[in-house]
Protein backbone atom coordinates (compact mmCIF):
# COMPACT_ATOMS: atom_id res chain seq x y z
CA UNK A 1 -0.02 0.04 0.25
CA UNK A 2 1.40 3.60 -0.86
CA UNK A 3 1.49 5.83 1.98
CA UNK A 4 1.64 9.58 1.02
CA UNK A 5 4.76 11.44 2.20
CA UNK A 6 4.06 13.97 4.81
CA UNK A 7 4.10 17.51 3.69
CA UNK A 8 4.79 20.76 5.39
CA UNK A 9 3.65 24.21 4.17
CA UNK A 10 5.15 27.27 5.47
CA UNK A 11 8.34 29.36 5.78
CA UNK A 12 11.60 27.57 5.53
CA UNK A 13 14.33 27.67 8.25
CA UNK A 14 17.98 27.55 7.14
CA UNK A 15 18.14 23.88 7.60
CA UNK A 16 15.14 23.30 5.28
CA UNK A 17 16.51 25.73 2.78
CA UNK A 18 19.74 23.90 2.40
CA UNK A 19 17.71 20.42 2.24
CA UNK A 20 15.94 21.86 -0.62
CA UNK A 21 19.13 22.93 -2.26
CA UNK A 22 20.56 19.52 -1.82
CA UNK A 23 17.52 18.01 -3.12
CA UNK A 24 17.51 20.29 -6.43
CA UNK A 25 21.35 19.32 -6.76
CA UNK A 26 20.37 15.53 -6.67
CA UNK A 27 17.74 16.01 -9.21
CA UNK A 28 20.18 18.13 -11.38
CA UNK A 29 22.67 15.32 -11.30
CA UNK A 30 20.21 12.87 -12.25
CA UNK A 31 18.39 14.78 -15.06
CA UNK A 32 21.25 17.00 -16.46
CA UNK A 33 19.19 20.05 -15.88
CA UNK A 34 18.43 22.29 -12.93
CA UNK A 35 14.86 21.83 -11.47
CA UNK A 36 14.78 25.10 -9.91
CA UNK A 37 15.74 28.35 -11.52
CA UNK A 38 17.55 31.36 -10.00
CA UNK A 39 14.44 33.27 -8.47
CA UNK A 40 12.83 30.13 -6.59
CA UNK A 41 16.34 29.65 -5.07
CA UNK A 42 16.82 33.46 -4.10
CA UNK A 43 13.05 33.01 -2.67
CA UNK A 44 13.87 30.14 -0.27
CA UNK A 45 14.29 32.30 2.72
CA UNK A 46 11.24 34.61 1.74
CA UNK A 47 8.11 34.71 3.92
CA UNK A 48 5.62 36.99 2.10
CA UNK A 49 1.86 36.75 1.48
CA UNK A 50 2.52 36.30 -2.23
CA UNK A 51 4.65 33.10 -1.71
CA UNK A 52 3.96 29.46 -0.53
CA UNK A 53 6.52 26.85 0.13
CA UNK A 54 5.77 23.14 0.28
CA UNK A 55 7.94 20.32 1.38
CA UNK A 56 7.26 16.61 1.24
CA UNK A 57 9.41 14.40 3.54
CA UNK A 58 9.77 10.79 4.07
CA UNK A 59 8.42 9.24 7.44
CA UNK A 60 12.07 9.67 8.79
CA UNK A 61 11.97 13.27 7.80
CA UNK A 62 14.20 13.46 4.84
CA UNK A 63 13.42 16.02 2.28
CA UNK A 64 12.24 14.32 -1.08
CA UNK A 65 10.13 16.82 -2.66
CA UNK A 66 9.41 20.72 -2.74
CA UNK A 67 7.23 23.19 -4.71
CA UNK A 68 7.24 26.84 -4.55
CA UNK A 69 4.12 28.77 -5.68
CA UNK A 70 4.75 32.48 -6.61
CA UNK A 71 1.51 34.43 -6.67
CA UNK A 72 3.06 37.98 -7.35
CA UNK A 73 1.97 38.35 -11.01
CA UNK A 74 -1.19 37.96 -13.15
CA UNK A 75 -0.83 34.21 -12.83
CA UNK A 76 0.56 31.93 -10.35
CA UNK A 77 4.01 30.36 -11.33
CA UNK A 78 5.15 27.17 -9.72
CA UNK A 79 8.36 25.26 -9.75
CA UNK A 80 8.49 21.61 -8.58
CA UNK A 81 11.16 18.95 -7.69
CA UNK A 82 10.93 15.34 -6.80
CA UNK A 83 14.21 13.58 -5.63
CA UNK A 84 14.95 10.72 -8.34
CA UNK A 85 14.78 7.83 -6.07
CA UNK A 86 11.04 8.93 -4.92
CA UNK A 87 9.56 9.48 -8.27
CA UNK A 88 6.49 7.49 -9.81
CA UNK A 89 4.87 7.03 -6.32
CA UNK A 90 2.20 9.88 -6.23
CA UNK A 91 4.64 12.49 -4.56
CA UNK A 92 4.58 14.66 -7.61
CA UNK A 93 0.66 14.67 -8.04
CA UNK A 94 0.46 15.38 -4.55
CA UNK A 95 2.47 18.57 -4.60
CA UNK A 96 0.81 19.60 -7.58
CA UNK A 97 -2.59 19.54 -6.33
CA UNK A 98 -1.36 21.22 -3.13
CA UNK A 99 0.01 24.02 -5.43
CA UNK A 100 -2.99 24.09 -7.40
CA UNK A 101 -5.34 24.77 -4.28
CA UNK A 102 -2.95 27.24 -3.08
CA UNK A 103 -3.08 29.25 -6.22
CA UNK A 104 -6.65 28.79 -7.28
CA UNK A 105 -8.84 28.79 -4.02
CA UNK A 106 -10.30 32.39 -3.32
CA UNK A 107 -9.68 34.08 -0.05
CA UNK A 108 -12.40 32.96 2.44
CA UNK A 109 -12.68 36.38 3.81
CA UNK A 110 -13.66 38.15 0.58
CA UNK A 111 -10.77 40.52 1.20
CA UNK A 112 -8.35 41.17 -1.74
CA UNK A 113 -5.64 38.40 -1.82
CA UNK A 114 -2.99 36.81 -3.96
CA UNK A 115 -5.07 33.54 -4.42
CA UNK A 116 -7.75 32.79 -7.10
CA UNK A 117 -5.24 32.76 -9.94
CA UNK A 118 -4.42 30.11 -12.71
CA UNK A 119 -1.39 28.13 -11.90
CA UNK A 120 1.46 27.45 -14.42
CA UNK A 121 4.21 25.34 -13.68
CA UNK A 122 7.63 25.06 -15.14
CA UNK A 123 9.32 22.00 -16.80
CA UNK A 124 13.06 23.03 -17.14
CA UNK A 125 14.78 21.12 -19.99
CA UNK A 126 11.02 19.93 -21.11
CA UNK A 127 12.32 16.31 -20.34
CA UNK A 128 10.12 13.30 -21.52
CA UNK A 129 9.00 12.69 -18.10
CA UNK A 130 8.18 16.19 -17.41
CA UNK A 131 5.91 16.15 -20.60
CA UNK A 132 4.22 12.99 -19.29
CA UNK A 133 3.60 14.25 -15.95
CA UNK A 134 2.10 17.52 -17.48
CA UNK A 135 -0.29 15.27 -19.92
CA UNK A 136 -1.25 13.16 -17.01
CA UNK A 137 -2.41 16.09 -15.33
CA UNK A 138 -4.34 17.69 -18.08
CA UNK A 139 -1.84 20.51 -18.60
CA UNK A 140 -0.56 21.77 -21.94
CA UNK A 141 2.38 24.01 -23.21
CA UNK A 142 1.74 27.90 -22.62
CA UNK A 143 4.98 29.34 -22.78
CA UNK A 144 8.58 28.56 -24.12
CA UNK A 145 11.74 29.97 -22.81
CA UNK A 146 14.69 29.15 -25.15
CA UNK A 147 18.28 28.40 -23.84
CA UNK A 148 20.62 29.75 -26.61
CA UNK A 149 24.75 29.04 -26.68
CA UNK A 150 27.54 29.85 -29.00
CA UNK A 151 31.14 29.05 -28.41
CA UNK A 152 34.01 31.45 -28.40
CA UNK A 153 36.93 30.92 -30.81
CA UNK A 154 40.17 30.71 -29.17
CA UNK A 155 41.85 34.05 -30.03
CA UNK A 156 42.81 37.30 -28.63
CA UNK A 157 40.12 38.76 -26.28
CA UNK A 158 38.33 41.42 -28.47
CA UNK A 159 38.03 44.94 -27.42
CA UNK A 160 34.67 46.17 -26.36
CA UNK A 161 32.54 48.06 -29.20
CA UNK A 162 32.57 51.67 -29.34
CA UNK A 163 29.29 53.45 -28.30
CA UNK A 164 27.78 55.26 -31.27
CA UNK A 165 27.71 59.13 -31.55
CA UNK A 166 25.56 60.68 -28.65
CA UNK A 167 26.04 57.85 -26.15
CA UNK A 168 28.35 56.87 -23.76
CA UNK A 169 29.34 53.19 -22.71
CA UNK A 170 30.15 52.85 -18.85
CA UNK A 171 29.76 50.11 -15.99
CA UNK A 172 27.00 50.10 -13.31
CA UNK A 173 27.61 51.77 -10.13
CA UNK A 174 26.02 49.85 -7.31
CA UNK A 175 23.98 52.26 -4.92
CA UNK A 176 24.36 54.97 -7.48
CA UNK A 177 22.51 53.53 -10.57
CA UNK A 178 20.10 51.27 -8.86
CA UNK A 179 17.00 53.41 -9.46
CA UNK A 180 17.73 54.58 -12.97
CA UNK A 181 18.54 50.94 -14.11
CA UNK A 182 15.05 49.87 -12.38
CA UNK A 183 13.32 52.39 -14.36
CA UNK A 184 14.71 51.65 -17.84
CA UNK A 185 14.37 48.01 -17.09
CA UNK A 186 10.78 48.18 -16.34
CA UNK A 187 10.15 50.13 -19.47
CA UNK A 188 12.13 47.54 -21.48
CA UNK A 189 10.24 44.60 -20.06
CA UNK A 190 6.89 46.21 -19.45
CA UNK A 191 5.04 43.17 -20.77
CA UNK A 192 7.48 40.54 -19.37
CA UNK A 193 5.85 38.74 -16.46
CA UNK A 194 8.86 38.37 -14.51
CA UNK A 195 11.83 40.74 -15.52
CA UNK A 196 9.39 43.74 -15.78
CA UNK A 197 8.42 43.51 -12.03
CA UNK A 198 12.12 43.64 -10.54
CA UNK A 199 12.13 45.85 -7.55
CA UNK A 200 14.90 47.27 -5.64
CA UNK A 201 15.10 44.20 -3.22
CA UNK A 202 15.38 41.89 -6.19
CA UNK A 203 18.43 44.00 -7.48
CA UNK A 204 20.02 44.05 -4.24
CA UNK A 205 19.54 40.21 -3.74
CA UNK A 206 21.46 39.77 -6.83
CA UNK A 207 24.20 42.18 -5.98
CA UNK A 208 24.65 39.92 -2.71
CA UNK A 209 25.22 36.86 -5.12
CA UNK A 210 28.86 35.78 -5.34
CA UNK A 211 28.64 35.85 -9.00
CA UNK A 212 27.70 39.74 -9.09
CA UNK A 213 30.33 41.92 -10.74
CA UNK A 214 29.70 45.61 -11.65
CA UNK A 215 32.46 45.49 -14.15
CA UNK A 216 30.16 43.04 -16.33
CA UNK A 217 27.22 45.12 -15.93
CA UNK A 218 27.08 47.90 -18.74
CA UNK A 219 24.91 50.99 -19.27
CA UNK A 220 24.57 53.11 -22.43
CA UNK A 221 23.84 56.35 -21.47
CA UNK A 222 23.12 59.71 -23.33
CA UNK A 223 26.14 61.96 -23.35
CA UNK A 224 26.02 65.44 -22.03
CA UNK A 225 24.78 68.13 -24.71
CA UNK A 226 25.40 71.21 -22.82
CA UNK A 227 28.10 72.66 -20.58
CA UNK A 228 28.96 70.29 -17.99
CA UNK A 229 31.80 68.80 -15.78
CA UNK A 230 34.47 66.42 -17.06
CA UNK A 231 32.55 63.71 -14.87
CA UNK A 232 29.27 64.48 -16.72
CA UNK A 233 31.15 63.64 -19.83
CA UNK A 234 32.70 60.68 -18.54
CA UNK A 235 29.38 59.22 -17.02
CA UNK A 236 26.91 60.70 -19.37
CA UNK A 237 24.26 63.38 -19.12
CA UNK A 238 23.89 64.02 -15.40
CA UNK A 239 20.71 62.48 -14.10
CA UNK A 240 19.70 60.66 -17.40
CA UNK A 241 18.60 57.19 -17.25
CA UNK A 242 20.19 54.56 -19.37
CA UNK A 243 19.00 53.94 -22.71
CA UNK A 244 20.23 50.27 -22.96
CA UNK A 245 22.17 47.97 -20.68
CA UNK A 246 23.83 44.58 -21.04
CA UNK A 247 24.17 42.54 -17.57
CA UNK A 248 26.46 39.50 -17.71
CA UNK A 249 27.09 36.92 -15.29
CA UNK A 250 29.85 34.33 -14.87
CA UNK A 251 29.22 31.81 -12.04
CA UNK A 252 32.62 31.50 -9.91
CA UNK A 253 34.63 28.09 -9.35
CA UNK A 254 34.31 27.00 -12.84
CA UNK A 255 37.63 25.43 -14.17
CA UNK A 256 39.26 27.02 -17.27
CA UNK A 257 37.92 25.49 -20.56
CA UNK A 258 34.58 24.85 -19.59
CA UNK A 259 33.22 28.09 -18.37
CA UNK A 260 29.84 29.59 -19.58
CA UNK A 261 29.14 33.18 -19.55
CA UNK A 262 25.65 34.40 -19.61
CA UNK A 263 23.98 37.31 -21.21
CA UNK A 264 21.98 37.71 -18.09
CA UNK A 265 19.87 40.48 -19.11
CA UNK A 266 19.89 42.69 -22.04
CA UNK A 267 17.29 45.73 -22.53
CA UNK A 268 16.69 48.58 -24.73
CA UNK A 269 14.39 51.57 -23.76
CA UNK A 270 11.33 51.49 -26.22
CA UNK A 271 12.20 54.96 -27.21
CA UNK A 272 15.42 53.87 -28.38
CA UNK A 273 14.69 50.80 -30.14
CA UNK A 274 15.08 50.45 -33.83
CA UNK A 275 18.89 52.03 -33.65
CA UNK A 276 20.66 48.90 -33.63
CA UNK A 277 21.32 49.30 -29.82
CA UNK A 278 20.46 45.42 -29.10
CA UNK A 279 22.90 44.28 -31.46
CA UNK A 280 25.60 46.72 -30.03
CA UNK A 281 24.81 45.72 -26.37
CA UNK A 282 25.17 41.87 -27.48
CA UNK A 283 28.39 42.73 -28.88
CA UNK A 284 29.43 44.43 -25.67
CA UNK A 285 28.47 41.37 -23.85
CA UNK A 286 30.34 38.88 -25.79
CA UNK A 287 33.61 40.98 -26.06
CA UNK A 288 33.36 41.07 -22.10
CA UNK A 289 32.54 37.40 -21.86
CA UNK A 290 35.39 36.41 -24.00
CA UNK A 291 37.67 38.67 -22.04
CA UNK A 292 36.89 36.75 -18.74
CA UNK A 293 37.93 33.44 -20.24
CA UNK A 294 34.56 31.95 -20.85
CA UNK A 295 34.34 29.44 -23.44
CA UNK A 296 30.82 29.51 -24.23
CA UNK A 297 28.18 32.41 -24.05
CA UNK A 298 24.68 31.28 -23.24
CA UNK A 299 21.42 33.36 -22.46
CA UNK A 300 17.55 32.79 -22.26
CA UNK A 301 15.06 34.23 -24.43
CA UNK A 302 11.07 34.09 -24.75
CA UNK A 303 10.31 31.81 -27.52
CA UNK A 304 7.95 34.37 -29.12
CA UNK A 305 10.28 37.27 -29.00
CA UNK A 306 11.16 37.35 -32.83
CA UNK A 307 13.14 40.58 -32.83
CA UNK A 308 15.56 39.39 -30.18
CA UNK A 309 15.89 35.77 -31.64
CA UNK A 310 17.01 37.37 -34.82
CA UNK A 311 19.66 39.48 -33.13
CA UNK A 312 20.95 36.49 -31.40
CA UNK A 313 20.91 34.32 -34.18
CA UNK A 314 23.11 36.90 -36.16
CA UNK A 315 25.50 36.67 -33.44
CA UNK A 316 25.74 32.94 -33.75
CA UNK A 317 23.59 31.63 -31.35
CA UNK A 318 21.79 28.39 -31.61
CA UNK A 319 19.17 26.49 -29.45
CA UNK A 320 20.59 24.28 -26.76
CA UNK A 321 17.58 23.64 -24.63
CA UNK A 322 13.93 24.69 -23.94
CA UNK A 323 11.95 25.25 -20.71
CA UNK A 324 8.28 25.14 -21.00
CA UNK A 325 5.61 26.45 -18.84
CA UNK A 326 2.31 24.18 -18.50
CA UNK A 327 -1.15 24.88 -17.30
CA UNK A 328 -4.67 23.67 -17.57
CA UNK A 329 -6.93 24.64 -20.42
């Protein structure tokens, strides 16, 4: 007789957070793809109205499953992982049903709440097992996130491209450029369900990560057009928001010869699109990553973002993997 694993719903203490990270690492080693993306991992220590953590344990207390439900957007988003040694035994269905109840049940009090939303569940790598699980649950694909890659030729590190007339290229200054970057990021990703909603807390959480390097975070700003100080000339027009940006990411501790460098986020203000700035900032990111010793450049892009896909294809990127979000009709 099958006995459902006990579940625990609520905030995660430090030990529980580490147990979830260990669970995710075991699944990644088995499946070849990480089951939890960056934001859910950053959210492990978050205790807020809009987020729910659900952990499945064995009767002895070992963590064998986890689902996180994020209700901060127009739809609820979930990421789910089951330990490879405890699959095909109802644990995944149990966590999915718990997540669906959490996302879709309306507030009993009638007060405004984060609940009553459609649930969408990510399948990273879109493995056959994940597709089968989604089909059995009556879910179908509603969104694709493509993972693109291109290798670097072993040659002299290229110079950064030159900014076009009227613009200045410089690196990000933590604590100084935060608000200006958040404004242009919100404009550039106004319709994106996650990136466009980044807050100052989200930005600072990433700045606290070991991989964060402001020297790999580039801003394209308008040059000063009137009389100004030499500092204005060096940093761009005083008080002007960036018109485009390129944020790269290189995980530390990777050995030479197998190091990925990520074009983490690239954005162009809508008022400055159509000027080739996306291609320019792509080239800036590629040049920087090559200079760090990365052997491959990688990035994520929405499957329906035709302009971005065209830019990246011209830069030599090809599809390496796909991540799919599933939902019920």
